Amino acid sequence: MSRNAILLGLSALSIGCLLAVRPALSATPHCAPRPDLVETLAERGGESWRSSGLAQNGSVVETFAADNGNWTILITRPDGISCQLAAGEAFASEALGAEPA
């Protein structure tokens, strides 16, 4: 199994955990129609689409990243509304199917 597939699976699991505990969190995720969030990520942070996967509930989990290493994870529901779940720095990736170093 590729490293990206493992990371995407772990991300989906983490997202599931975040969604399960969401009522306990003090901050509400930033949500908007997907095109609006994608435009904001590109204009404000230079982030572009890097990877995606389909969750069991029909939502799409996507990673956006900038060349400077900043990254954002969005989840888009089947109704087209996306929510920013996480953001950070030091993004790195490998080609799909490549063995980890």
Protein backbone atom coordinates (compact mmCIF):
# COMPACT_ATOMS: atom_id res chain seq x y z
CA MET A 1 0.00 0.00 0.00
CA SER A 2 1.41 3.41 -0.91
CA ARG A 3 2.34 6.01 1.65
CA ASN A 4 -0.22 8.45 0.20
CA ALA A 5 -3.00 5.88 0.56
CA ILE A 6 -2.01 5.27 4.16
CA LEU A 7 -1.83 9.01 4.88
CA LEU A 8 -5.22 9.59 3.24
CA GLY A 9 -6.71 6.77 5.29
CA LEU A 10 -5.25 8.18 8.49
CA SER A 11 -6.53 11.63 7.52
CA ALA A 12 -10.02 10.26 6.95
CA LEU A 13 -9.89 8.48 10.32
CA SER A 14 -8.72 11.66 12.01
CA ILE A 15 -11.49 13.62 10.33
CA GLY A 16 -14.04 11.09 11.53
CA CYS A 17 -12.72 11.54 15.07
CA LEU A 18 -12.86 15.32 14.71
CA LEU A 19 -16.44 15.17 13.47
CA ALA A 20 -17.40 12.87 16.33
CA VAL A 21 -16.07 15.30 18.95
CA ARG A 22 -17.06 18.48 17.10
CA PRO A 23 -19.75 19.48 19.64
CA ALA A 24 -17.03 19.60 22.30
CA LEU A 25 -14.82 21.90 20.24
CA SER A 26 -15.09 25.62 20.90
CA ALA A 27 -14.34 26.71 17.34
CA THR A 28 -16.68 26.00 14.46
CA PRO A 29 -14.96 25.01 11.20
CA HIS A 30 -15.06 27.57 8.40
CA CYS A 31 -17.67 26.34 5.90
CA ALA A 32 -18.79 27.76 2.54
CA PRO A 33 -19.57 26.58 -0.99
CA ARG A 34 -16.52 24.69 -2.29
CA PRO A 35 -15.68 27.13 -5.14
CA ASP A 36 -15.53 30.01 -2.64
CA LEU A 37 -13.11 28.21 -0.30
CA VAL A 38 -10.92 26.98 -3.16
CA GLU A 39 -10.70 30.53 -4.53
CA THR A 40 -9.80 31.89 -1.08
CA LEU A 41 -7.08 29.27 -0.60
CA ALA A 42 -5.57 30.16 -3.99
CA GLU A 43 -5.79 33.94 -3.62
CA ARG A 44 -4.73 34.30 0.03
CA GLY A 45 -2.26 31.48 0.43
CA GLY A 46 -1.26 30.32 -3.03
CA GLU A 47 -2.63 26.86 -2.20
CA SER A 48 -3.70 24.49 -4.95
CA TRP A 49 -5.28 21.02 -5.01
CA ARG A 50 -2.84 18.20 -4.19
CA SER A 51 -4.89 15.10 -3.32
CA SER A 52 -8.39 13.83 -2.63
CA GLY A 53 -10.29 10.78 -1.48
CA LEU A 54 -13.89 9.70 -1.09
CA ALA A 55 -15.18 9.08 2.43
CA GLN A 56 -17.75 6.38 3.19
CA ASN A 57 -20.45 9.00 3.81
CA GLY A 58 -20.05 10.40 0.28
CA SER A 59 -17.97 13.40 1.32
CA VAL A 60 -14.75 14.26 -0.50
CA VAL A 61 -11.63 14.91 1.58
CA GLU A 62 -9.08 17.13 -0.17
CA THR A 63 -5.63 18.45 0.58
CA PHE A 64 -4.53 21.82 -0.76
CA ALA A 65 -0.96 23.07 -0.40
CA ALA A 66 1.30 25.94 -1.39
CA ASP A 67 4.87 25.75 -2.60
CA ASN A 68 5.98 27.31 0.70
CA GLY A 69 4.65 24.22 2.58
CA ASN A 70 1.40 25.64 3.98
CA TRP A 71 -1.52 23.19 3.65
CA THR A 72 -5.26 22.93 4.28
CA ILE A 73 -7.62 19.95 4.49
CA LEU A 74 -11.17 20.47 3.25
CA ILE A 75 -14.10 18.10 3.45
CA THR A 76 -16.90 18.65 0.95
CA ARG A 77 -20.34 17.24 1.64
CA PRO A 78 -22.51 15.87 -1.17
CA ASP A 79 -24.48 19.17 -1.12
CA GLY A 80 -21.35 21.09 -2.22
CA ILE A 81 -20.60 22.77 1.10
CA SER A 82 -16.95 22.50 2.14
CA CYS A 83 -15.51 22.90 5.61
CA GLN A 84 -11.90 23.61 6.50
CA LEU A 85 -10.88 20.93 8.97
CA ALA A 86 -7.20 21.56 9.47
CA ALA A 87 -4.33 23.71 8.27
CA GLY A 88 -0.62 23.72 8.89
CA GLU A 89 2.84 23.94 7.45
CA ALA A 90 5.67 21.72 6.18
CA PHE A 91 3.58 19.87 3.58
CA ALA A 92 5.45 17.13 1.73
CA SER A 93 4.31 14.46 -0.70
CA GLU A 94 5.58 11.58 -2.76
CA ALA A 95 4.41 10.28 -6.11
CA LEU A 96 1.46 7.89 -5.79
CA GLY A 97 2.73 4.36 -5.59
CA ALA A 98 6.24 5.42 -4.61
CA GLU A 99 7.82 3.61 -1.73
CA PRO A 100 8.66 5.76 1.29
CA ALA A 101 12.31 6.64 1.68
